[in-house]
Amino acid sequence: MKVVIVRREPGIALSMDVYADNLVAGLKAFRPNWQITEIAPESWSKQENRWRSGTGVRKYYERLWRHPLAVSRLEGDIFHIIDHSNAHIVYWLKQKNCNVIVTCHDLVQFAYPEILNDQSRFPTLSMASWKYSVEGMKSADHIIAVSAHTAKDVNQILAIPKERITAVPNGVEPYFRPLPSTEVVAIRRHYERSPAAFCLLNVGSNHQRKNIPTILKALVMLRDRGVAIKLWKVGDEFTLEQQSLIEFHHLESMITFIGKPDKAALLDIYNAADVLLAPSLYEGFGLTILEAMACGTPVITSNVSSLPEVTGAAAILVEPLDVEAIVDAICSLQQDPVLHQSYIEQGLARAKLFSWAKSAEQVAEIYETLKIS
């Protein structure tokens, strides 16, 4: 079978790179005789490629014309578009005698359209372009959703029949694992000098759906309760609004901004933190939660969207806007070593249920079913 994997621009969305890299590796291991071709758009985002006044023009030219044209010139039995934001390519491919699959990771812009305000100079145009792209999924032969929640969104928001949607959960890379305790002690000392501090970790962007203000409010309440707490923030810098909240409540000494570490450093940070705190309002899957569990880090997360699917009973689930419930959950783990250890063990067991090999096997079976039909 000839399979064409249509990728995102490298380096723009790390989660898309993780998905594509691990899917391709799994497919090659599971079906070594298949011919797998990968194609990605040319970069429009690197500094050396920017047009001083035309970056946006180049972006839309590359996304909506040159890249789809290049994809349509390839030959394959299955074309798999690994990001729903590129589903407009389906329009080009349906003119060929091939099967087209799209992976949908989330439809968050329908719930939080303001996300594009921070990502684009022309948010209205970006939203129109995004909707045009995701509408392409309606013409695909099959949709792979990364969670049952996302599958439900695809069915209800885009009116795509359930029989054309399959939920295939993401995996977690074996690289994310518990490190020896002696290494963890040294890593911990590097990021936090106070041995008494209970270190919370938050990984990801600062979009509204990530619920950062609620985390900051929880820090205020924890300080008022006399809990020695620190927040390690990994990912995007705080927004101006979030920074103002930090300054207003004098939280600077309680927060360490780590930025965007490489994979090795992220493994260290997961292992050194006491708890991953992720009270998101919406997630299509929640890969960082799985990575934390695989490293033996207990998780406190939300009881909404796809997150309960990922965690099962292996994490503490809270109402994402209930500050007191979040604080109580943190205090319970901080004050009860037996409970803390219990969630470590449950998380490690839960993470073992998710593998990229298993995901690739399910995807391969979908390919074969479509090819036969």
Protein backbone atom coordinates (compact mmCIF):
# COMPACT_ATOMS: atom_id res chain seq x y z
CA MET A 1 0.00 0.00 0.00
CA LYS A 2 1.16 3.52 -0.78
CA VAL A 3 0.46 5.96 2.04
CA VAL A 4 1.05 9.71 1.91
CA ILE A 5 1.33 11.49 5.26
CA VAL A 6 0.50 15.19 4.90
CA ARG A 7 2.23 17.03 7.72
CA ARG A 8 2.15 20.51 9.23
CA GLU A 9 4.98 22.97 8.81
CA PRO A 10 7.78 21.59 11.03
CA GLY A 11 8.37 23.34 14.34
CA ILE A 12 5.16 25.36 14.42
CA ALA A 13 3.03 23.03 16.52
CA LEU A 14 5.11 20.65 18.62
CA SER A 15 2.16 18.37 19.32
CA MET A 16 1.63 17.91 15.56
CA ASP A 17 5.29 16.96 15.12
CA VAL A 18 5.00 14.45 17.98
CA TYR A 19 1.85 12.98 16.44
CA ALA A 20 3.28 12.68 12.93
CA ASP A 21 6.70 11.39 14.00
CA ASN A 22 5.28 8.67 16.22
CA LEU A 23 2.50 7.69 13.82
CA VAL A 24 4.95 7.25 10.94
CA ALA A 25 7.39 5.29 13.11
CA GLY A 26 4.56 3.04 14.30
CA LEU A 27 3.22 2.45 10.79
CA LYS A 28 6.67 1.53 9.49
CA ALA A 29 7.11 -0.95 12.33
CA PHE A 30 3.60 -2.41 12.00
CA ARG A 31 3.49 -2.54 8.18
CA PRO A 32 7.15 -2.57 7.02
CA ASN A 33 6.20 -3.40 3.43
CA TRP A 34 4.12 -0.28 2.94
CA GLN A 35 5.51 2.66 1.00
CA ILE A 36 5.14 5.73 3.20
CA THR A 37 5.79 9.21 1.82
CA GLU A 38 5.77 12.34 3.95
CA ILE A 39 5.19 15.87 2.70
CA ALA A 40 5.14 19.15 4.61
CA PRO A 41 4.68 22.77 3.51
CA GLU A 42 7.64 25.06 3.08
CA SER A 43 8.36 27.22 6.09
CA TRP A 44 6.88 30.69 6.09
CA SER A 45 7.62 31.34 9.76
CA LYS A 46 11.39 31.27 10.07
CA GLN A 47 12.93 34.69 10.36
CA GLU A 48 15.08 34.32 7.29
CA ASN A 49 11.99 33.59 5.18
CA ARG A 50 9.80 36.43 6.41
CA TRP A 51 8.54 39.03 3.97
CA ARG A 52 8.66 42.40 5.71
CA SER A 53 5.18 43.36 4.63
CA GLY A 54 3.91 40.10 3.18
CA THR A 55 4.34 37.33 5.75
CA GLY A 56 0.58 36.84 5.89
CA VAL A 57 0.32 36.75 2.09
CA ARG A 58 3.01 34.11 1.88
CA LYS A 59 1.37 32.06 4.62
CA TYR A 60 -1.93 31.90 2.78
CA TYR A 61 -0.25 31.27 -0.58
CA GLU A 62 1.71 28.36 0.88
CA ARG A 63 -1.16 26.87 2.90
CA LEU A 64 -3.97 27.31 0.41
CA TRP A 65 -2.24 26.93 -2.94
CA ARG A 66 1.36 25.74 -3.27
CA HIS A 67 1.27 23.02 -0.59
CA PRO A 68 -2.12 21.54 -1.64
CA LEU A 69 -0.95 21.55 -5.24
CA ALA A 70 2.24 19.69 -4.31
CA VAL A 71 0.24 17.13 -2.30
CA SER A 72 -2.23 16.58 -5.15
CA ARG A 73 0.61 15.71 -7.54
CA LEU A 74 1.68 12.73 -5.42
CA GLU A 75 0.40 9.21 -5.97
CA GLY A 76 -0.97 7.10 -3.15
CA ASP A 77 -3.71 4.72 -2.08
CA ILE A 78 -4.26 6.58 1.20
CA PHE A 79 -3.66 10.24 1.92
CA HIS A 80 -3.63 10.99 5.65
CA ILE A 81 -3.80 14.67 6.59
CA ILE A 82 -2.53 14.64 10.17
CA ASP A 83 -3.98 18.02 11.22
CA HIS A 84 -7.57 19.15 10.70
CA SER A 85 -6.30 22.70 10.08
CA ASN A 86 -5.09 21.42 6.71
CA ALA A 87 -8.32 19.63 5.82
CA HIS A 88 -8.87 22.01 2.90
CA ILE A 89 -6.40 19.78 1.04
CA VAL A 90 -9.22 17.22 0.89
CA TYR A 91 -10.87 19.39 -1.78
CA TRP A 92 -7.83 18.93 -4.00
CA LEU A 93 -7.46 15.20 -3.36
CA LYS A 94 -11.04 14.18 -4.00
CA GLN A 95 -10.38 14.66 -7.69
CA LYS A 96 -8.02 11.67 -7.48
CA ASN A 97 -8.90 7.99 -7.14
CA CYS A 98 -7.67 7.69 -3.55
CA ASN A 99 -8.94 7.55 0.02
CA VAL A 100 -8.46 10.58 2.24
CA ILE A 101 -8.29 10.54 6.03
CA VAL A 102 -8.00 13.54 8.36
CA THR A 103 -6.99 13.48 12.01
CA CYS A 104 -8.97 15.96 14.09
CA HIS A 105 -7.20 16.97 17.30
CA ASP A 106 -9.81 19.43 18.54
CA LEU A 107 -12.33 22.01 17.39
CA VAL A 108 -11.39 24.49 20.08
CA GLN A 109 -11.78 27.60 17.89
CA PHE A 110 -15.52 27.02 17.78
CA ALA A 111 -15.60 27.20 21.58
CA TYR A 112 -12.90 29.86 22.02
CA PRO A 113 -12.58 31.91 18.81
CA GLU A 114 -10.60 34.58 20.68
CA ILE A 115 -7.57 32.25 20.53
CA LEU A 116 -6.87 33.65 17.06
CA ASN A 117 -6.68 37.19 18.42
CA ASP A 118 -3.26 36.35 19.90
CA GLN A 119 -2.08 34.25 16.97
CA SER A 120 -2.93 36.41 13.99
CA ARG A 121 -2.70 39.99 12.83
CA PHE A 122 -5.99 39.44 11.01
CA PRO A 123 -8.11 37.25 13.33
CA THR A 124 -11.29 37.57 11.27
CA LEU A 125 -9.49 36.39 8.15
CA SER A 126 -7.77 33.64 10.14
CA MET A 127 -11.08 32.39 11.50
CA ALA A 128 -12.63 32.34 8.03
CA SER A 129 -9.61 30.45 6.69
CA TRP A 130 -9.70 27.99 9.60
CA LYS A 131 -13.41 27.28 9.13
CA TYR A 132 -12.87 26.79 5.40
CA SER A 133 -10.14 24.28 6.21
CA VAL A 134 -11.97 22.22 8.83
CA GLU A 135 -15.09 22.10 6.64
CA GLY A 136 -12.93 20.02 4.30
CA MET A 137 -13.34 17.13 6.74
CA LYS A 138 -16.91 16.75 5.48
CA SER A 139 -15.52 15.53 2.16
CA ALA A 140 -12.97 13.13 3.66
CA ASP A 141 -13.54 9.38 3.55
CA HIS A 142 -12.84 9.00 7.24
CA ILE A 143 -11.99 11.10 10.30
CA ILE A 144 -9.68 9.96 13.07
CA ALA A 145 -10.43 11.80 16.31
CA VAL A 146 -7.88 11.70 19.14
CA SER A 147 -10.58 11.22 21.77
CA ALA A 148 -14.23 10.28 22.06
CA HIS A 149 -14.93 13.88 23.09
CA THR A 150 -13.36 15.19 19.90
CA ALA A 151 -15.27 12.58 17.88
CA LYS A 152 -18.49 13.87 19.44
CA ASP A 153 -17.56 17.45 18.52
CA VAL A 154 -16.85 16.43 14.91
CA ASN A 155 -20.21 14.71 14.71
CA GLN A 156 -22.23 17.48 16.33
CA ILE A 157 -20.47 20.62 15.06
CA LEU A 158 -19.64 19.50 11.52
CA ALA A 159 -22.56 17.05 11.13
CA ILE A 160 -20.25 14.26 9.99
CA PRO A 161 -21.91 10.85 10.49
CA LYS A 162 -20.61 8.79 13.41
CA GLU A 163 -19.81 5.85 11.14
CA ARG A 164 -17.18 7.98 9.37
CA ILE A 165 -15.40 8.86 12.62
CA THR A 166 -13.11 6.65 14.70
CA ALA A 167 -11.58 7.66 18.02
CA VAL A 168 -7.91 6.64 18.17
CA PRO A 169 -6.20 8.02 21.28
CA ASN A 170 -2.71 9.41 21.22
CA GLY A 171 0.14 7.48 22.78
CA VAL A 172 2.95 8.48 25.08
CA GLU A 173 6.58 8.07 24.11
CA PRO A 174 8.63 5.56 26.14
CA TYR A 175 11.13 8.38 26.58
CA PHE A 176 8.89 9.85 29.28
CA ARG A 177 9.67 7.71 32.31
CA PRO A 178 10.58 7.96 36.00
CA LEU A 179 14.21 8.88 36.61
CA PRO A 180 16.35 7.54 39.46
CA SER A 181 15.72 9.35 42.74
CA THR A 182 19.34 10.54 42.96
CA GLU A 183 18.96 12.32 39.61
CA VAL A 184 15.62 13.81 40.63
CA VAL A 185 17.14 15.31 43.78
CA ALA A 186 19.79 17.09 41.71
CA ILE A 187 17.24 18.28 39.14
CA ARG A 188 14.96 19.55 41.88
CA ARG A 189 17.81 21.51 43.45
CA HIS A 190 18.50 23.13 40.07
CA TYR A 191 14.95 24.50 39.73
CA GLU A 192 14.00 25.05 43.38
CA ARG A 193 16.32 25.86 46.26
CA SER A 194 13.74 25.58 49.02
CA PRO A 195 13.43 21.91 50.06
CA ALA A 196 10.09 22.65 51.77
CA ALA A 197 8.38 24.01 48.66
CA PHE A 198 5.64 21.91 47.07
CA CYS A 199 6.17 22.40 43.35
CA LEU A 200 3.26 22.61 40.94
CA LEU A 201 3.94 22.28 37.22
CA ASN A 202 1.89 23.73 34.39
CA VAL A 203 2.87 22.94 30.80
CA GLY A 204 1.47 24.57 27.69
CA SER A 205 0.19 27.76 26.16
CA ASN A 206 -1.55 30.66 27.89
CA HIS A 207 -4.77 30.70 25.86
CA GLN A 208 -7.98 31.36 27.73
CA ARG A 209 -8.90 27.67 27.69
CA LYS A 210 -5.74 26.86 29.68
CA ASN A 211 -7.32 28.69 32.64
CA ILE A 212 -4.15 30.36 33.93
CA PRO A 213 -6.01 33.02 36.00
CA THR A 214 -7.60 30.25 38.08
CA ILE A 215 -4.16 28.79 38.77
CA LEU A 216 -2.97 32.20 39.95
CA LYS A 217 -6.01 32.57 42.20
CA ALA A 218 -5.21 29.17 43.67
CA LEU A 219 -1.68 30.38 44.47
CA VAL A 220 -3.14 33.32 46.38
CA MET A 221 -5.38 31.03 48.44
CA LEU A 222 -2.56 28.58 49.10
CA ARG A 223 -0.34 31.41 50.33
CA ASP A 224 -3.14 32.62 52.60
CA ARG A 225 -3.37 29.10 54.02
CA GLY A 226 0.34 29.15 54.77
CA VAL A 227 1.29 26.45 52.25
CA ALA A 228 4.86 26.63 50.94
CA ILE A 229 4.06 26.46 47.25
CA LYS A 230 5.85 27.15 43.96
CA LEU A 231 4.56 27.15 40.41
CA TRP A 232 6.83 26.11 37.56
CA LYS A 233 5.45 27.48 34.30
CA VAL A 234 6.61 25.70 31.13
CA GLY A 235 5.58 26.94 27.70
CA ASP A 236 4.45 30.37 26.58
CA GLU A 237 5.16 33.51 28.58
CA PHE A 238 2.36 34.96 30.66
CA THR A 239 0.08 37.39 28.84
CA LEU A 240 0.03 41.04 29.91
CA GLU A 241 -3.26 40.43 31.70
CA GLN A 242 -1.85 37.43 33.55
CA GLN A 243 1.32 39.34 34.41
CA SER A 244 -0.77 42.15 35.86
CA LEU A 245 -2.60 39.62 38.03
CA ILE A 246 0.73 38.24 39.24
CA GLU A 247 1.97 41.71 40.13
CA PHE A 248 -1.30 42.75 41.78
CA HIS A 249 -1.19 39.75 44.13
CA HIS A 250 2.61 39.88 44.58
CA LEU A 251 3.08 36.32 43.31
CA GLU A 252 6.44 36.86 41.63
CA SER A 253 8.43 34.96 44.28
CA MET A 254 6.08 31.98 44.00
CA ILE A 255 6.51 31.49 40.24
CA THR A 256 9.42 30.20 38.18
CA PHE A 257 9.00 30.71 34.44
CA ILE A 258 11.03 28.03 32.67
CA GLY A 259 10.09 28.77 29.06
CA LYS A 260 10.21 26.13 26.35
CA PRO A 261 12.70 23.41 27.35
CA ASP A 262 13.93 20.74 25.00
CA LYS A 263 12.72 17.17 25.37
CA ALA A 264 15.48 16.14 27.77
CA ALA A 265 14.86 19.10 30.07
CA LEU A 266 11.11 18.51 29.95
CA LEU A 267 11.68 14.93 31.14
CA ASP A 268 13.70 16.32 34.04
CA ILE A 269 11.03 18.87 34.94
CA TYR A 270 8.20 16.34 34.91
CA ASN A 271 10.20 14.14 37.27
CA ALA A 272 11.18 16.94 39.64
CA ALA A 273 7.72 18.48 40.05
CA ASP A 274 5.39 17.32 42.81
CA VAL A 275 2.16 17.70 40.84
CA LEU A 276 1.08 18.60 37.31
CA LEU A 277 -1.72 21.16 37.58
CA ALA A 278 -3.78 21.41 34.38
CA PRO A 279 -7.27 22.84 35.01
CA SER A 280 -7.99 23.41 31.32
CA LEU A 281 -11.45 24.42 30.18
CA TYR A 282 -11.11 22.42 26.96
CA GLU A 283 -8.67 19.85 25.58
CA GLY A 284 -8.93 17.67 22.52
CA PHE A 285 -6.76 15.08 24.26
CA GLY A 286 -4.28 16.31 26.88
CA LEU A 287 -0.90 14.83 25.98
CA THR A 288 1.04 16.61 28.74
CA ILE A 289 -1.14 14.86 31.33
CA LEU A 290 -0.15 11.48 29.94
CA GLU A 291 3.53 12.47 29.81
CA ALA A 292 3.44 13.58 33.45
CA MET A 293 1.80 10.32 34.54
CA ALA A 294 4.43 8.33 32.63
CA CYS A 295 7.10 10.17 34.62
CA GLY A 296 5.44 9.34 37.94
CA THR A 297 4.01 12.81 38.56
CA PRO A 298 0.52 12.99 40.10
CA VAL A 299 -2.01 15.00 38.11
CA ILE A 300 -4.77 17.43 39.07
CA THR A 301 -6.89 18.30 36.06
CA SER A 302 -10.39 19.21 34.95
CA ASN A 303 -13.47 17.03 34.83
CA VAL A 304 -14.46 18.41 31.42
CA SER A 305 -13.91 17.71 27.69
CA SER A 306 -11.53 14.82 26.94
CA LEU A 307 -9.55 14.93 30.17
CA PRO A 308 -11.49 12.27 32.13
CA GLU A 309 -10.97 9.92 29.15
CA VAL A 310 -7.23 10.28 29.42
CA THR A 311 -6.90 10.08 33.19
CA GLY A 312 -9.58 7.58 34.15
CA ALA A 313 -9.43 7.33 37.95
CA ALA A 314 -5.67 7.94 37.99
CA ALA A 315 -5.87 11.70 38.58
CA ILE A 316 -7.76 14.12 40.80
CA LEU A 317 -10.52 15.68 38.69
CA VAL A 318 -11.95 19.08 39.66
CA GLU A 319 -14.34 21.68 38.32
CA PRO A 320 -11.89 23.90 36.41
CA LEU A 321 -13.20 27.23 37.79
CA ASP A 322 -13.59 26.02 41.38
CA VAL A 323 -10.53 27.58 43.01
CA GLU A 324 -11.23 26.12 46.42
CA ALA A 325 -11.59 22.59 45.01
CA ILE A 326 -8.24 22.97 43.24
CA VAL A 327 -6.60 24.22 46.43
CA ASP A 328 -8.09 21.38 48.47
CA ALA A 329 -6.77 18.86 45.93
CA ILE A 330 -3.28 20.36 46.10
CA CYS A 331 -3.31 20.37 49.91
CA SER A 332 -4.46 16.76 50.05
CA LEU A 333 -1.50 15.64 47.95
CA GLN A 334 0.89 17.91 49.81
CA GLN A 335 -0.19 16.73 53.27
CA ASP A 336 -0.75 13.02 52.60
CA PRO A 337 2.34 11.15 51.31
CA VAL A 338 0.36 7.91 51.04
CA LEU A 339 -2.22 9.56 48.78
CA HIS A 340 0.55 11.22 46.76
CA GLN A 341 2.25 7.85 46.23
CA SER A 342 -1.08 6.26 45.31
CA TYR A 343 -1.58 8.71 42.44
CA ILE A 344 1.99 8.15 41.30
CA GLU A 345 1.33 4.43 40.99
CA GLN A 346 -2.10 4.87 39.40
CA GLY A 347 -0.70 7.34 36.88
CA LEU A 348 2.15 5.04 35.87
CA ALA A 349 -0.30 2.20 35.33
CA ARG A 350 -2.69 4.42 33.37
CA ALA A 351 0.05 5.74 31.07
CA LYS A 352 1.00 2.19 30.08
CA LEU A 353 -2.42 1.81 28.44
CA PHE A 354 -1.50 4.44 25.82
CA SER A 355 1.18 3.64 23.25
CA TRP A 356 1.96 4.99 19.82
CA ALA A 357 2.38 1.41 18.59
CA LYS A 358 -1.21 0.67 19.56
CA SER A 359 -2.39 3.92 17.94
CA ALA A 360 -0.51 3.15 14.71
CA GLU A 361 -2.01 -0.35 14.61
CA GLN A 362 -5.53 1.09 14.84
CA VAL A 363 -4.76 3.65 12.14
CA ALA A 364 -3.32 0.95 9.85
CA GLU A 365 -6.49 -1.08 10.23
CA ILE A 366 -8.56 1.95 9.19
CA TYR A 367 -6.37 2.35 6.09
CA GLU A 368 -6.89 -1.30 5.17
CA THR A 369 -10.64 -1.15 5.67
CA LEU A 370 -10.92 1.88 3.38
CA LYS A 371 -8.63 0.32 0.77
CA ILE A 372 -10.75 -2.85 0.65
CA SER A 373 -14.00 -0.91 0.40
